[in-house]
Amino acid sequence: EAVSALIFRPRVGELLVNTGLLVLLAVPIAIILSVTLAWLTERSDLPGARLWAWLCVAPLAIPAFVHSYAWITMVPGLHGLWAGVLVSVIAYFPFLYLPVSAALRRLDPALEDAAAALGLGPWRVFWRVVLPQLRLAICGGSLLVGLHLLAEYGLYVFIRFD
C-alpha cells in the first residue's frame, strides 16, 4: 500500500507527462539537426567540412549537466520545457549525428545519380533514395538519444525543468 501511494501521487503523473513531452520534442529536433549536419559534412562541398564534423562531435566531451550550467550562466532566464529541449538537443544530437554520418559515407552515390537521371529532383532523391537507407542509423541514434534523455537528471535540475 505504501508503494502504490508513492507511485500514484498526482505529481508522478505530471512528471511522466513532462518527460514524455521532452522526449517527443527533443528527439525529432535532434533527428532533423543531425541529418542536416551529417548531409552537410559528408555530401556537400561545405568549406572546412572536417572541422565542422569535429565540432558536431565536440558536445560528447562535455557532460550534460555542464551544458546546462553553461547555458544558464550565459542566459540566466533559461528554464522550463523549451530550455530542456534546447540543452538536450545540443548535448545529445552527436549520438544521432555519428551513425547517420557513417551511414552516409557508406551509401553508394550511384543510386542517387541513377534516381536523378530518371528525373527525380534533389529533394525527391533524398526522400526516396537516401532517407530510406538512413532509417536504421536514425532509429538507433534516436533510441540512444531517447534513453539518455530518460536517464539524465543533472541537466534538468540546473534549468529547473521537472
N, C-alpha and C. Protein backbone atom coordinates (compact mmCIF):
# COMPACT_ATOMS: atom_id res chain seq x y z
N GLU A 1 0.82 -1.19 0.00
CA GLU A 1 0.00 0.00 0.00
C GLU A 1 0.87 1.26 0.00
N ALA A 2 1.96 1.22 0.72
CA ALA A 2 2.85 2.38 0.77
C ALA A 2 3.49 2.63 -0.60
N VAL A 3 3.82 1.54 -1.30
CA VAL A 3 4.42 1.68 -2.63
C VAL A 3 3.42 2.28 -3.60
N SER A 4 2.19 1.79 -3.60
CA SER A 4 1.18 2.33 -4.52
C SER A 4 0.86 3.79 -4.20
N ALA A 5 0.88 4.14 -2.92
CA ALA A 5 0.65 5.55 -2.54
C ALA A 5 1.77 6.43 -3.07
N LEU A 6 2.98 5.90 -3.09
CA LEU A 6 4.13 6.65 -3.60
C LEU A 6 4.06 6.80 -5.12
N ILE A 7 3.71 5.72 -5.80
CA ILE A 7 3.69 5.71 -7.26
C ILE A 7 2.52 6.51 -7.83
N PHE A 8 1.38 6.45 -7.20
CA PHE A 8 0.18 7.08 -7.77
C PHE A 8 -0.11 8.47 -7.20
N ARG A 9 0.93 9.15 -6.76
CA ARG A 9 0.77 10.55 -6.34
C ARG A 9 0.49 11.41 -7.58
N PRO A 10 -0.25 12.50 -7.44
CA PRO A 10 -0.55 13.37 -8.59
C PRO A 10 0.71 13.91 -9.27
N ARG A 11 1.74 14.18 -8.53
CA ARG A 11 2.97 14.74 -9.08
C ARG A 11 3.65 13.77 -10.04
N VAL A 12 3.52 12.47 -9.79
CA VAL A 12 4.15 11.46 -10.66
C VAL A 12 3.56 11.54 -12.06
N GLY A 13 2.26 11.69 -12.18
CA GLY A 13 1.63 11.83 -13.49
C GLY A 13 2.12 13.05 -14.24
N GLU A 14 2.25 14.15 -13.53
CA GLU A 14 2.75 15.39 -14.14
C GLU A 14 4.18 15.20 -14.63
N LEU A 15 5.01 14.54 -13.84
CA LEU A 15 6.40 14.31 -14.24
C LEU A 15 6.48 13.38 -15.45
N LEU A 16 5.61 12.38 -15.51
CA LEU A 16 5.59 11.48 -16.67
C LEU A 16 5.19 12.23 -17.94
N VAL A 17 4.21 13.11 -17.84
CA VAL A 17 3.79 13.90 -19.00
C VAL A 17 4.93 14.82 -19.44
N ASN A 18 5.59 15.48 -18.49
CA ASN A 18 6.71 16.36 -18.83
C ASN A 18 7.84 15.59 -19.50
N THR A 19 8.14 14.41 -18.99
CA THR A 19 9.20 13.59 -19.57
C THR A 19 8.82 13.15 -20.98
N GLY A 20 7.57 12.74 -21.16
CA GLY A 20 7.10 12.35 -22.48
C GLY A 20 7.18 13.50 -23.47
N LEU A 21 6.77 14.69 -23.04
CA LEU A 21 6.86 15.87 -23.91
C LEU A 21 8.31 16.17 -24.29
N LEU A 22 9.19 16.08 -23.32
CA LEU A 22 10.60 16.33 -23.59
C LEU A 22 11.13 15.39 -24.66
N VAL A 23 10.84 14.11 -24.51
CA VAL A 23 11.32 13.12 -25.48
C VAL A 23 10.67 13.35 -26.84
N LEU A 24 9.36 13.59 -26.86
CA LEU A 24 8.65 13.78 -28.13
C LEU A 24 9.07 15.05 -28.87
N LEU A 25 9.57 16.03 -28.16
CA LEU A 25 10.06 17.25 -28.81
C LEU A 25 11.54 17.17 -29.16
N ALA A 26 12.35 16.68 -28.24
CA ALA A 26 13.80 16.71 -28.43
C ALA A 26 14.28 15.72 -29.48
N VAL A 27 13.72 14.52 -29.51
CA VAL A 27 14.22 13.51 -30.45
C VAL A 27 13.99 13.93 -31.91
N PRO A 28 12.79 14.35 -32.32
CA PRO A 28 12.64 14.78 -33.72
C PRO A 28 13.52 15.98 -34.09
N ILE A 29 13.68 16.92 -33.17
CA ILE A 29 14.56 18.06 -33.45
C ILE A 29 16.00 17.59 -33.62
N ALA A 30 16.42 16.66 -32.77
CA ALA A 30 17.78 16.11 -32.89
C ALA A 30 17.95 15.35 -34.20
N ILE A 31 16.90 14.66 -34.64
CA ILE A 31 16.97 13.95 -35.93
C ILE A 31 17.18 14.94 -37.06
N ILE A 32 16.37 15.98 -37.10
CA ILE A 32 16.48 16.98 -38.17
C ILE A 32 17.86 17.64 -38.16
N LEU A 33 18.32 18.04 -36.98
CA LEU A 33 19.63 18.67 -36.87
C LEU A 33 20.75 17.72 -37.29
N SER A 34 20.69 16.49 -36.83
CA SER A 34 21.75 15.52 -37.12
C SER A 34 21.81 15.14 -38.59
N VAL A 35 20.66 14.87 -39.18
CA VAL A 35 20.65 14.50 -40.60
C VAL A 35 21.13 15.68 -41.45
N THR A 36 20.71 16.88 -41.11
CA THR A 36 21.15 18.06 -41.86
C THR A 36 22.66 18.25 -41.75
N LEU A 37 23.18 18.20 -40.52
CA LEU A 37 24.62 18.39 -40.34
C LEU A 37 25.43 17.25 -40.97
N ALA A 38 24.93 16.03 -40.86
CA ALA A 38 25.64 14.90 -41.48
C ALA A 38 25.66 15.06 -43.00
N TRP A 39 24.55 15.49 -43.57
CA TRP A 39 24.50 15.71 -45.01
C TRP A 39 25.48 16.80 -45.43
N LEU A 40 25.50 17.90 -44.67
CA LEU A 40 26.40 19.00 -45.00
C LEU A 40 27.86 18.59 -44.90
N THR A 41 28.21 17.81 -43.87
CA THR A 41 29.62 17.46 -43.68
C THR A 41 30.06 16.30 -44.57
N GLU A 42 29.13 15.45 -44.99
CA GLU A 42 29.53 14.27 -45.77
C GLU A 42 29.24 14.38 -47.26
N ARG A 43 28.19 15.10 -47.64
CA ARG A 43 27.76 15.08 -49.03
C ARG A 43 27.80 16.43 -49.73
N SER A 44 28.11 17.49 -49.03
CA SER A 44 28.14 18.79 -49.69
C SER A 44 29.59 19.27 -49.80
N ASP A 45 29.76 20.38 -50.48
CA ASP A 45 31.10 20.96 -50.60
C ASP A 45 31.29 22.07 -49.56
N LEU A 46 30.83 21.81 -48.36
CA LEU A 46 30.95 22.75 -47.24
C LEU A 46 32.43 23.02 -46.96
N PRO A 47 32.84 24.29 -46.96
CA PRO A 47 34.24 24.58 -46.64
C PRO A 47 34.54 24.17 -45.20
N GLY A 48 35.66 23.50 -45.01
CA GLY A 48 36.06 23.06 -43.68
C GLY A 48 35.17 21.95 -43.13
N ALA A 49 34.72 21.06 -44.00
CA ALA A 49 33.78 20.01 -43.58
C ALA A 49 34.34 19.16 -42.45
N ARG A 50 35.64 18.85 -42.49
CA ARG A 50 36.22 18.03 -41.42
C ARG A 50 36.19 18.76 -40.08
N LEU A 51 36.45 20.06 -40.11
CA LEU A 51 36.37 20.85 -38.88
C LEU A 51 34.94 20.85 -38.35
N TRP A 52 33.96 21.03 -39.24
CA TRP A 52 32.56 21.01 -38.82
C TRP A 52 32.18 19.64 -38.25
N ALA A 53 32.71 18.58 -38.85
CA ALA A 53 32.43 17.24 -38.32
C ALA A 53 32.96 17.09 -36.90
N TRP A 54 34.16 17.61 -36.66
CA TRP A 54 34.72 17.57 -35.30
C TRP A 54 33.89 18.40 -34.34
N LEU A 55 33.45 19.56 -34.78
CA LEU A 55 32.62 20.42 -33.93
C LEU A 55 31.27 19.77 -33.61
N CYS A 56 30.75 18.99 -34.55
CA CYS A 56 29.48 18.30 -34.30
C CYS A 56 29.62 17.22 -33.23
N VAL A 57 30.80 16.66 -33.10
CA VAL A 57 31.03 15.60 -32.12
C VAL A 57 31.49 16.17 -30.77
N ALA A 58 31.96 17.39 -30.77
CA ALA A 58 32.52 18.00 -29.55
C ALA A 58 31.59 17.98 -28.34
N PRO A 59 30.27 18.14 -28.48
CA PRO A 59 29.42 18.11 -27.27
C PRO A 59 29.51 16.81 -26.47
N LEU A 60 29.96 15.74 -27.09
CA LEU A 60 30.10 14.48 -26.36
C LEU A 60 31.20 14.55 -25.30
N ALA A 61 32.12 15.48 -25.45
CA ALA A 61 33.23 15.60 -24.49
C ALA A 61 32.82 16.35 -23.23
N ILE A 62 31.61 16.89 -23.23
CA ILE A 62 31.15 17.70 -22.09
C ILE A 62 29.95 17.01 -21.46
N PRO A 63 29.97 16.78 -20.16
CA PRO A 63 28.80 16.17 -19.51
C PRO A 63 27.56 17.07 -19.66
N ALA A 64 26.40 16.44 -19.72
CA ALA A 64 25.15 17.18 -19.98
C ALA A 64 24.88 18.24 -18.92
N PHE A 65 25.18 17.94 -17.66
CA PHE A 65 24.90 18.94 -16.62
C PHE A 65 25.80 20.16 -16.78
N VAL A 66 26.99 19.98 -17.35
CA VAL A 66 27.87 21.12 -17.62
C VAL A 66 27.28 21.96 -18.75
N HIS A 67 26.69 21.30 -19.76
CA HIS A 67 25.98 22.03 -20.82
C HIS A 67 24.92 22.94 -20.20
N SER A 68 24.09 22.37 -19.33
CA SER A 68 23.01 23.18 -18.76
C SER A 68 23.55 24.29 -17.88
N TYR A 69 24.60 24.01 -17.12
CA TYR A 69 25.19 25.04 -16.28
C TYR A 69 25.74 26.18 -17.13
N ALA A 70 26.41 25.83 -18.23
CA ALA A 70 26.95 26.86 -19.13
C ALA A 70 25.82 27.69 -19.74
N TRP A 71 24.75 27.04 -20.16
CA TRP A 71 23.64 27.78 -20.77
C TRP A 71 22.97 28.70 -19.77
N ILE A 72 22.74 28.24 -18.54
CA ILE A 72 22.07 29.14 -17.59
C ILE A 72 23.00 30.25 -17.12
N THR A 73 24.31 30.04 -17.24
CA THR A 73 25.25 31.12 -16.94
C THR A 73 25.19 32.18 -18.03
N MET A 74 25.10 31.75 -19.29
CA MET A 74 25.04 32.69 -20.41
C MET A 74 23.66 33.34 -20.54
N VAL A 75 22.60 32.57 -20.27
CA VAL A 75 21.23 33.05 -20.40
C VAL A 75 20.51 32.76 -19.08
N PRO A 76 20.61 33.64 -18.10
CA PRO A 76 20.09 33.35 -16.75
C PRO A 76 18.60 32.99 -16.69
N GLY A 77 17.78 33.50 -17.57
CA GLY A 77 16.35 33.21 -17.53
C GLY A 77 15.96 31.92 -18.23
N LEU A 78 16.92 31.14 -18.64
CA LEU A 78 16.66 29.92 -19.39
C LEU A 78 16.19 28.81 -18.45
N HIS A 79 14.92 28.46 -18.53
CA HIS A 79 14.41 27.35 -17.74
C HIS A 79 13.09 26.88 -18.34
N GLY A 80 12.64 25.72 -17.95
CA GLY A 80 11.38 25.19 -18.44
C GLY A 80 11.56 24.15 -19.53
N LEU A 81 10.45 23.77 -20.14
CA LEU A 81 10.43 22.71 -21.15
C LEU A 81 11.32 23.04 -22.34
N TRP A 82 11.15 24.23 -22.91
CA TRP A 82 11.92 24.55 -24.12
C TRP A 82 13.41 24.70 -23.83
N ALA A 83 13.75 25.12 -22.64
CA ALA A 83 15.16 25.14 -22.25
C ALA A 83 15.69 23.71 -22.18
N GLY A 84 14.89 22.82 -21.62
CA GLY A 84 15.28 21.41 -21.55
C GLY A 84 15.47 20.81 -22.93
N VAL A 85 14.57 21.16 -23.84
CA VAL A 85 14.68 20.66 -25.22
C VAL A 85 15.95 21.20 -25.87
N LEU A 86 16.19 22.50 -25.75
CA LEU A 86 17.37 23.13 -26.35
C LEU A 86 18.66 22.49 -25.85
N VAL A 87 18.82 22.43 -24.55
CA VAL A 87 20.06 21.91 -23.99
C VAL A 87 20.20 20.41 -24.27
N SER A 88 19.10 19.67 -24.23
CA SER A 88 19.15 18.24 -24.52
C SER A 88 19.58 17.97 -25.95
N VAL A 89 19.00 18.72 -26.87
CA VAL A 89 19.35 18.53 -28.29
C VAL A 89 20.82 18.84 -28.51
N ILE A 90 21.30 19.94 -27.95
CA ILE A 90 22.70 20.31 -28.13
C ILE A 90 23.63 19.27 -27.49
N ALA A 91 23.25 18.76 -26.34
CA ALA A 91 24.10 17.80 -25.64
C ALA A 91 24.09 16.42 -26.30
N TYR A 92 22.95 16.01 -26.87
CA TYR A 92 22.81 14.62 -27.30
C TYR A 92 22.71 14.40 -28.81
N PHE A 93 22.62 15.45 -29.63
CA PHE A 93 22.50 15.20 -31.06
C PHE A 93 23.70 14.45 -31.65
N PRO A 94 24.92 14.52 -31.07
CA PRO A 94 26.00 13.73 -31.66
C PRO A 94 25.74 12.22 -31.66
N PHE A 95 24.91 11.74 -30.74
CA PHE A 95 24.57 10.31 -30.74
C PHE A 95 23.77 9.93 -31.98
N LEU A 96 23.14 10.88 -32.60
CA LEU A 96 22.47 10.67 -33.88
C LEU A 96 23.37 11.04 -35.05
N TYR A 97 24.12 12.09 -34.89
CA TYR A 97 24.98 12.57 -35.97
C TYR A 97 25.99 11.49 -36.40
N LEU A 98 26.62 10.85 -35.43
CA LEU A 98 27.67 9.87 -35.76
C LEU A 98 27.17 8.70 -36.60
N PRO A 99 26.10 7.99 -36.22
CA PRO A 99 25.66 6.89 -37.08
C PRO A 99 25.11 7.35 -38.43
N VAL A 100 24.44 8.50 -38.47
CA VAL A 100 23.92 8.99 -39.74
C VAL A 100 25.07 9.39 -40.66
N SER A 101 26.07 10.02 -40.11
CA SER A 101 27.24 10.41 -40.88
C SER A 101 27.95 9.17 -41.44
N ALA A 102 28.11 8.16 -40.61
CA ALA A 102 28.75 6.91 -41.07
C ALA A 102 27.90 6.23 -42.14
N ALA A 103 26.60 6.24 -41.98
CA ALA A 103 25.72 5.63 -42.99
C ALA A 103 25.80 6.38 -44.31
N LEU A 104 25.88 7.70 -44.26
CA LEU A 104 26.01 8.48 -45.49
C LEU A 104 27.32 8.16 -46.21
N ARG A 105 28.38 7.95 -45.44
CA ARG A 105 29.67 7.61 -46.05
C ARG A 105 29.61 6.27 -46.77
N ARG A 106 28.80 5.35 -46.25
CA ARG A 106 28.71 4.01 -46.83
C ARG A 106 27.78 3.94 -48.04
N LEU A 107 26.91 4.93 -48.21
CA LEU A 107 25.95 4.87 -49.31
C LEU A 107 26.64 5.03 -50.65
N ASP A 108 26.11 4.33 -51.63
CA ASP A 108 26.64 4.41 -52.98
C ASP A 108 26.02 5.61 -53.70
N PRO A 109 26.82 6.61 -54.05
CA PRO A 109 26.26 7.79 -54.74
C PRO A 109 25.68 7.45 -56.11
N ALA A 110 26.03 6.29 -56.66
CA ALA A 110 25.49 5.90 -57.96
C ALA A 110 23.97 5.75 -57.91
N LEU A 111 23.44 5.34 -56.75
CA LEU A 111 21.98 5.22 -56.61
C LEU A 111 21.32 6.59 -56.72
N GLU A 112 21.94 7.57 -56.11
CA GLU A 112 21.40 8.93 -56.19
C GLU A 112 21.51 9.47 -57.62
N ASP A 113 22.63 9.19 -58.26
CA ASP A 113 22.81 9.63 -59.64
C ASP A 113 21.79 8.98 -60.56
N ALA A 114 21.52 7.70 -60.34
CA ALA A 114 20.53 6.99 -61.16
C ALA A 114 19.14 7.58 -60.95
N ALA A 115 18.79 7.88 -59.72
CA ALA A 115 17.48 8.48 -59.44
C ALA A 115 17.37 9.86 -60.09
N ALA A 116 18.44 10.62 -60.02
CA ALA A 116 18.44 11.95 -60.66
C ALA A 116 18.34 11.81 -62.18
N ALA A 117 19.03 10.81 -62.74
CA ALA A 117 18.97 10.59 -64.18
C ALA A 117 17.57 10.18 -64.63
N LEU A 118 16.82 9.56 -63.72
CA LEU A 118 15.45 9.17 -64.04
C LEU A 118 14.45 10.32 -63.85
N GLY A 119 14.98 11.49 -63.51
CA GLY A 119 14.13 12.67 -63.46
C GLY A 119 13.71 13.14 -62.08
N LEU A 120 14.20 12.51 -61.05
CA LEU A 120 13.84 12.97 -59.70
C LEU A 120 14.68 14.19 -59.33
N GLY A 121 14.03 15.16 -58.70
CA GLY A 121 14.73 16.35 -58.22
C GLY A 121 15.52 16.02 -56.96
N PRO A 122 16.35 16.96 -56.51
CA PRO A 122 17.20 16.70 -55.34
C PRO A 122 16.43 16.29 -54.08
N TRP A 123 15.30 16.97 -53.82
CA TRP A 123 14.53 16.62 -52.62
C TRP A 123 13.91 15.24 -52.75
N ARG A 124 13.40 14.89 -53.92
CA ARG A 124 12.80 13.56 -54.11
C ARG A 124 13.86 12.48 -54.04
N VAL A 125 15.05 12.76 -54.54
CA VAL A 125 16.15 11.79 -54.42
C VAL A 125 16.44 11.55 -52.94
N PHE A 126 16.49 12.64 -52.18
CA PHE A 126 16.76 12.48 -50.75
C PHE A 126 15.67 11.66 -50.08
N TRP A 127 14.41 12.02 -50.30
CA TRP A 127 13.30 11.36 -49.60
C TRP A 127 13.08 9.92 -50.07
N ARG A 128 13.33 9.63 -51.36
CA ARG A 128 13.01 8.30 -51.87
C ARG A 128 14.20 7.36 -51.95
N VAL A 129 15.41 7.90 -51.99
CA VAL A 129 16.59 7.04 -52.14
C VAL A 129 17.46 7.07 -50.89
N VAL A 130 17.81 8.24 -50.42
CA VAL A 130 18.77 8.37 -49.32
C VAL A 130 18.13 8.07 -47.97
N LEU A 131 17.04 8.74 -47.66
CA LEU A 131 16.44 8.61 -46.33
C LEU A 131 16.05 7.18 -45.96
N PRO A 132 15.47 6.39 -46.88
CA PRO A 132 15.18 5.00 -46.51
C PRO A 132 16.43 4.20 -46.12
N GLN A 133 17.56 4.56 -46.70
CA GLN A 133 18.79 3.85 -46.36
C GLN A 133 19.40 4.33 -45.04
N LEU A 134 18.96 5.48 -44.58
CA LEU A 134 19.44 6.02 -43.30
C LEU A 134 18.55 5.60 -42.13
N ARG A 135 17.46 4.93 -42.43
CA ARG A 135 16.46 4.61 -41.41
C ARG A 135 17.04 3.88 -40.20
N LEU A 136 17.87 2.89 -40.41
CA LEU A 136 18.45 2.13 -39.30
C LEU A 136 19.35 3.02 -38.43
N ALA A 137 20.18 3.83 -39.06
CA ALA A 137 21.05 4.74 -38.30
C ALA A 137 20.23 5.76 -37.52
N ILE A 138 19.17 6.26 -38.13
CA ILE A 138 18.31 7.24 -37.45
C ILE A 138 17.59 6.59 -36.28
N CYS A 139 17.07 5.39 -36.48
CA CYS A 139 16.36 4.71 -35.39
C CYS A 139 17.30 4.37 -34.24
N GLY A 140 18.48 3.87 -34.55
CA GLY A 140 19.45 3.55 -33.49
C GLY A 140 19.90 4.78 -32.73
N GLY A 141 20.21 5.84 -33.44
CA GLY A 141 20.62 7.07 -32.79
C GLY A 141 19.50 7.69 -31.98
N SER A 142 18.27 7.61 -32.49
CA SER A 142 17.11 8.14 -31.75
C SER A 142 16.90 7.38 -30.46
N LEU A 143 17.09 6.09 -30.51
CA LEU A 143 16.96 5.28 -29.29
C LEU A 143 18.00 5.71 -28.26
N LEU A 144 19.23 5.91 -28.71
CA LEU A 144 20.27 6.38 -27.79
C LEU A 144 19.92 7.74 -27.18
N VAL A 145 19.48 8.66 -28.01
CA VAL A 145 19.12 9.99 -27.51
C VAL A 145 17.96 9.89 -26.53
N GLY A 146 16.93 9.14 -26.89
CA GLY A 146 15.77 8.99 -26.02
C GLY A 146 16.13 8.38 -24.68
N LEU A 147 16.97 7.36 -24.69
CA LEU A 147 17.38 6.73 -23.43
C LEU A 147 18.23 7.66 -22.58
N HIS A 148 19.08 8.43 -23.21
CA HIS A 148 19.87 9.42 -22.46
C HIS A 148 18.97 10.49 -21.85
N LEU A 149 17.96 10.90 -22.59
CA LEU A 149 17.02 11.88 -22.05
C LEU A 149 16.31 11.34 -20.81
N LEU A 150 15.93 10.08 -20.88
CA LEU A 150 15.23 9.47 -19.74
C LEU A 150 16.15 9.27 -18.54
N ALA A 151 17.42 9.05 -18.81
CA ALA A 151 18.36 8.75 -17.72
C ALA A 151 18.98 10.01 -17.11
N GLU A 152 18.91 11.12 -17.81
CA GLU A 152 19.57 12.34 -17.34
C GLU A 152 18.79 12.99 -16.20
N TYR A 153 19.51 13.49 -15.25
CA TYR A 153 18.88 14.18 -14.12
C TYR A 153 19.51 15.56 -13.91
N GLY A 154 20.83 15.61 -13.89
CA GLY A 154 21.54 16.85 -13.58
C GLY A 154 21.24 17.99 -14.52
N LEU A 155 21.11 17.69 -15.79
CA LEU A 155 20.82 18.72 -16.78
C LEU A 155 19.53 19.44 -16.44
N TYR A 156 18.51 18.70 -16.07
CA TYR A 156 17.19 19.28 -15.84
C TYR A 156 17.07 19.96 -14.48
N VAL A 157 17.91 19.57 -13.54
CA VAL A 157 17.92 20.25 -12.24
C VAL A 157 18.40 21.68 -12.41
N PHE A 158 19.48 21.87 -13.17
CA PHE A 158 20.05 23.20 -13.35
C PHE A 158 19.09 24.15 -14.06
N ILE A 159 18.35 23.65 -15.05
CA ILE A 159 17.46 24.55 -15.79
C ILE A 159 16.05 24.54 -15.23
N ARG A 160 15.88 23.93 -14.09
CA ARG A 160 14.61 23.91 -13.36
C ARG A 160 13.46 23.41 -14.21
N PHE A 161 13.68 22.29 -14.88
CA PHE A 161 12.60 21.63 -15.61
C PHE A 161 12.29 20.34 -14.89
N ASP A 162 11.08 20.23 -14.41
CA ASP A 162 10.67 18.97 -13.77
C ASP A 162 9.25 18.62 -14.15
